[in-house]
Amino acid sequence: FLVEGDSAGGSAKMGRDKEFQAVLPLRGKVLNAWETDKDRLFANQEIHDIAVAIGVDPHSVNDNPDLSGLRYGKICILSDADVDGSHIQVLLLTLFYKHFPALIRSQNLYVARPPLFRVDVPAQGKKPARKLYCLDEAELYAVQDKLGKEGVKEANIKISRFKGLGEMNAEQLWETTLNPDTRRLLPVTLGSMDVTETNAMMHMLMGRTESGARRTWLEDKGNLVEVDI
């Protein structure tokens, strides 16, 4: 698990199953590696640590890298369930797409999806008290609707919003994000566009000199996004 922040990394280390799970806390924003040469990547400590942890050297899309040293079957990006967390995801996805593409092709890269809300439901008759986790506002509304149909009064429900992974204790992180039986992982795959189209899109989104093109694209496509602000 590549985990955003020291505090969340500490909780994840305490909550993980040490038999098969490892945690690498990331400090601060990861470098935008889209325009960084492969030979200069290791000048960045975070990227160096990631490469050493997973056991694979940086490579390009046309390379045939040796994956025999890959230490984990799943490499999971774990960041906050907010806009800042999405930014961390984008930077890490850019790094893997540009410099570790074989890990995407071999389906080793995932994005963990921690919940944004926790719903505390009191005991009701024979039903014990419950803790329900919701990925986003849409799930929260669905849970509220279901509880209402069960006869649970809205005033008796306590809704908490996680500001970040650092607010979760080790048990909560295990329940929601680390436990293979209950976690939600989104596999990272290459879409239907060909490599040329994908690279052009990535360059427009991540290139340092493409601010004008990004502004135009955002103005044209901005109404399509569903964002939690």
Protein backbone atom coordinates (compact mmCIF):
# COMPACT_ATOMS: atom_id res chain seq x y z
CA PHE A 1 0.00 0.00 0.00
CA LEU A 2 1.36 3.41 -1.04
CA VAL A 3 -0.22 5.52 1.67
CA GLU A 4 -0.62 9.28 1.74
CA GLY A 5 0.87 10.83 4.88
CA ASP A 6 2.80 9.65 7.93
CA SER A 7 -0.22 9.53 10.26
CA ALA A 8 -2.27 7.34 7.92
CA GLY A 9 0.80 5.24 7.24
CA GLY A 10 1.15 4.60 10.96
CA SER A 11 -2.46 3.47 11.30
CA ALA A 12 -2.12 1.29 8.21
CA LYS A 13 1.02 -0.36 9.57
CA MET A 14 -0.78 -1.18 12.80
CA GLY A 15 -3.93 -2.37 11.03
CA ARG A 16 -2.42 -4.47 8.24
CA ASP A 17 -1.85 -8.21 8.21
CA LYS A 18 1.95 -8.44 8.44
CA GLU A 19 1.93 -11.88 6.82
CA PHE A 20 1.21 -10.50 3.36
CA GLN A 21 0.73 -6.72 3.50
CA ALA A 22 3.33 -3.94 3.46
CA VAL A 23 2.88 -0.18 3.82
CA LEU A 24 5.01 2.62 2.38
CA PRO A 25 4.02 6.07 3.75
CA LEU A 26 4.49 8.90 1.24
CA ARG A 27 5.50 12.30 2.59
CA GLY A 28 4.06 15.28 0.74
CA LYS A 29 3.16 15.51 -2.92
CA VAL A 30 4.76 12.99 -5.25
CA LEU A 31 6.78 14.40 -8.13
CA ASN A 32 4.94 14.93 -11.41
CA ALA A 33 7.13 12.49 -13.35
CA TRP A 34 5.53 12.90 -16.77
CA GLU A 35 8.44 14.90 -18.18
CA THR A 36 11.18 13.42 -15.97
CA ASP A 37 13.77 11.27 -17.74
CA LYS A 38 14.02 7.68 -16.52
CA ASP A 39 17.69 8.17 -15.61
CA ARG A 40 16.85 11.08 -13.31
CA LEU A 41 13.93 9.50 -11.46
CA PHE A 42 16.00 8.23 -8.54
CA ALA A 43 17.03 11.79 -7.69
CA ASN A 44 13.56 11.94 -6.10
CA GLN A 45 13.59 10.05 -2.80
CA GLU A 46 9.91 9.09 -2.88
CA ILE A 47 10.18 7.53 -6.34
CA HIS A 48 13.40 5.77 -5.38
CA ASP A 49 11.68 4.29 -2.32
CA ILE A 50 8.68 3.14 -4.38
CA ALA A 51 10.87 1.38 -6.95
CA VAL A 52 12.94 -0.34 -4.25
CA ALA A 53 9.82 -1.38 -2.33
CA ILE A 54 8.09 -3.00 -5.31
CA GLY A 55 11.29 -4.53 -6.71
CA VAL A 56 10.96 -3.27 -10.30
CA ASP A 57 13.15 -0.72 -12.08
CA PRO A 58 11.65 2.16 -14.08
CA HIS A 59 11.08 1.38 -17.75
CA SER A 60 9.21 2.66 -20.79
CA VAL A 61 6.21 1.32 -22.66
CA ASN A 62 8.40 -0.29 -25.34
CA ASP A 63 10.67 -2.08 -22.85
CA ASN A 64 10.33 -5.67 -21.75
CA PRO A 65 11.35 -5.31 -18.09
CA ASP A 66 12.25 -8.14 -15.76
CA LEU A 67 9.33 -8.53 -13.34
CA SER A 68 10.82 -11.54 -11.55
CA GLY A 69 11.80 -9.28 -8.66
CA LEU A 70 8.26 -7.94 -8.17
CA ARG A 71 7.61 -8.37 -4.47
CA TYR A 72 3.83 -7.95 -4.36
CA GLY A 73 0.89 -9.18 -6.40
CA LYS A 74 -1.06 -5.98 -5.77
CA ILE A 75 0.34 -2.46 -5.53
CA CYS A 76 -2.42 -0.32 -4.03
CA ILE A 77 -2.57 3.48 -4.08
CA LEU A 78 -4.22 4.54 -0.82
CA SER A 79 -5.00 8.24 -0.46
CA ASP A 80 -7.66 10.37 1.20
CA ALA A 81 -11.19 10.23 -0.22
CA ASP A 82 -11.17 13.94 -1.08
CA VAL A 83 -9.84 16.27 -3.79
CA ASP A 84 -6.31 16.35 -2.35
CA GLY A 85 -6.31 12.55 -2.25
CA SER A 86 -7.39 12.48 -5.88
CA HIS A 87 -4.42 14.71 -6.72
CA ILE A 88 -2.06 12.22 -5.07
CA GLN A 89 -3.72 9.44 -7.07
CA VAL A 90 -3.21 11.31 -10.34
CA LEU A 91 0.49 11.91 -9.63
CA LEU A 92 1.06 8.24 -8.76
CA LEU A 93 -0.95 7.00 -11.75
CA THR A 94 1.14 9.30 -13.96
CA LEU A 95 4.32 7.84 -12.47
CA PHE A 96 3.23 4.25 -13.08
CA TYR A 97 1.83 4.91 -16.56
CA LYS A 98 5.01 6.67 -17.73
CA HIS A 99 7.74 4.77 -15.90
CA PHE A 100 6.25 1.42 -14.76
CA PRO A 101 3.73 0.59 -17.54
CA ALA A 102 4.38 -3.16 -17.37
CA LEU A 103 2.77 -3.21 -13.92
CA ILE A 104 -0.45 -1.85 -15.43
CA ARG A 105 -0.32 -4.32 -18.32
CA SER A 106 0.18 -7.20 -15.89
CA GLN A 107 -2.71 -5.94 -13.73
CA ASN A 108 -0.65 -5.35 -10.60
CA LEU A 109 -1.78 -1.76 -9.96
CA TYR A 110 -4.91 -0.84 -7.96
CA VAL A 111 -6.51 2.18 -6.35
CA ALA A 112 -7.90 1.59 -2.87
CA ARG A 113 -11.21 3.29 -2.19
CA PRO A 114 -11.56 4.34 1.46
CA PRO A 115 -14.96 5.58 2.67
CA LEU A 116 -15.80 9.24 3.02
CA PHE A 117 -18.56 8.72 5.63
CA ARG A 118 -19.29 6.53 8.64
CA VAL A 119 -22.87 6.03 9.80
CA ASP A 120 -23.40 4.96 13.42
CA VAL A 121 -26.74 3.23 13.88
CA PRO A 122 -27.97 2.53 17.44
CA ALA A 123 -29.26 -0.85 18.59
CA GLN A 124 -32.83 -1.44 17.50
CA GLY A 125 -34.79 -4.28 19.06
CA LYS A 126 -32.83 -7.46 18.43
CA LYS A 127 -30.50 -5.67 16.02
CA PRO A 128 -27.19 -4.64 17.63
CA ALA A 129 -25.58 -1.26 17.03
CA ARG A 130 -23.95 -0.99 13.62
CA LYS A 131 -21.19 0.96 11.92
CA LEU A 132 -21.80 1.46 8.21
CA TYR A 133 -19.23 2.96 5.85
CA CYS A 134 -20.14 4.90 2.70
CA LEU A 135 -17.83 5.54 -0.21
CA ASP A 136 -19.42 8.84 -1.21
CA GLU A 137 -22.55 10.96 -0.89
CA ALA A 138 -24.54 8.75 -3.26
CA GLU A 139 -23.94 5.73 -1.02
CA LEU A 140 -24.72 7.82 2.05
CA TYR A 141 -28.12 8.79 0.64
CA ALA A 142 -28.82 5.15 -0.25
CA VAL A 143 -27.93 4.02 3.28
CA GLN A 144 -30.08 6.73 4.83
CA ASP A 145 -33.00 5.69 2.63
CA LYS A 146 -32.57 2.02 3.56
CA LEU A 147 -32.37 2.81 7.28
CA GLY A 148 -35.49 4.92 7.01
CA LYS A 149 -37.36 1.99 5.49
CA GLU A 150 -36.13 -0.16 8.38
CA GLY A 151 -37.75 2.27 10.79
CA VAL A 152 -34.57 3.90 12.07
CA LYS A 153 -35.24 7.54 12.93
CA GLU A 154 -32.97 10.05 11.24
CA ALA A 155 -32.37 11.83 14.55
CA ASN A 156 -30.87 8.64 16.00
CA ILE A 157 -28.29 8.25 13.24
CA LYS A 158 -24.86 9.81 13.66
CA ILE A 159 -23.00 10.64 10.45
CA SER A 160 -19.26 11.31 10.53
CA ARG A 161 -17.20 12.54 7.62
CA PHE A 162 -13.57 11.50 7.48
CA LYS A 163 -11.30 14.43 6.72
CA GLY A 164 -8.55 11.99 5.84
CA LEU A 165 -7.08 8.56 6.40
CA GLY A 166 -5.21 9.94 9.40
CA GLU A 167 -8.53 10.21 11.24
CA MET A 168 -9.10 6.47 11.01
CA ASN A 169 -7.67 4.22 13.68
CA ALA A 170 -5.99 0.93 12.79
CA GLU A 171 -9.20 -1.09 13.26
CA GLN A 172 -11.21 1.19 10.96
CA LEU A 173 -8.54 1.13 8.27
CA TRP A 174 -8.49 -2.68 8.40
CA GLU A 175 -12.30 -2.93 8.23
CA THR A 176 -12.70 -0.53 5.33
CA THR A 177 -9.56 -0.56 3.25
CA LEU A 178 -7.08 -3.32 4.12
CA ASN A 179 -9.17 -6.43 4.77
CA PRO A 180 -9.37 -8.41 1.48
CA ASP A 181 -12.89 -9.55 2.41
CA THR A 182 -14.37 -6.06 2.84
CA ARG A 183 -12.09 -3.57 1.09
CA ARG A 184 -12.79 -2.02 -2.30
CA LEU A 185 -10.00 -1.99 -4.84
CA LEU A 186 -10.29 -0.44 -8.29
CA PRO A 187 -8.01 -2.20 -10.81
CA VAL A 188 -6.03 0.16 -13.03
CA THR A 189 -6.26 -0.81 -16.70
CA LEU A 190 -5.50 0.85 -20.01
CA GLY A 191 -8.58 2.20 -21.75
CA SER A 192 -9.76 1.78 -25.30
CA MET A 193 -7.63 4.63 -26.74
CA ASP A 194 -4.44 3.67 -28.54
CA VAL A 195 -1.05 4.63 -27.11
CA THR A 196 -0.72 7.76 -29.25
CA GLU A 197 -4.09 9.12 -28.15
CA THR A 198 -3.46 8.23 -24.51
CA ASN A 199 -0.04 9.87 -24.51
CA ALA A 200 -1.49 13.01 -26.09
CA MET A 201 -4.18 13.16 -23.42
CA MET A 202 -1.67 12.58 -20.62
CA HIS A 203 0.64 15.26 -22.01
CA MET A 204 -2.20 17.76 -22.14
CA LEU A 205 -3.18 16.94 -18.53
CA MET A 206 0.30 16.70 -16.99
CA GLY A 207 2.68 18.65 -19.24
CA ARG A 208 4.21 21.73 -17.64
CA THR A 209 3.68 23.90 -20.73
CA GLU A 210 0.10 22.80 -21.39
CA SER A 211 -1.79 25.10 -19.00
CA GLY A 212 -3.63 26.81 -21.88
CA ALA A 213 -4.78 23.50 -23.36
CA ARG A 214 -5.85 22.28 -19.91
CA ARG A 215 -7.89 25.43 -19.32
CA THR A 216 -9.66 25.00 -22.67
CA TRP A 217 -10.31 21.32 -21.97
CA LEU A 218 -11.66 22.06 -18.48
CA GLU A 219 -13.95 24.78 -19.79
CA ASP A 220 -15.26 22.39 -22.44
CA LYS A 221 -15.57 19.27 -20.26
CA GLY A 222 -15.97 20.65 -16.75
CA ASN A 223 -19.72 20.17 -16.65
CA LEU A 224 -19.25 16.39 -16.97
CA VAL A 225 -17.40 15.90 -13.69
CA GLU A 226 -18.96 14.81 -10.43
CA VAL A 227 -16.86 16.40 -7.69
CA ASP A 228 -17.17 16.55 -3.94
CA ILE A 229 -16.11 20.02 -2.74
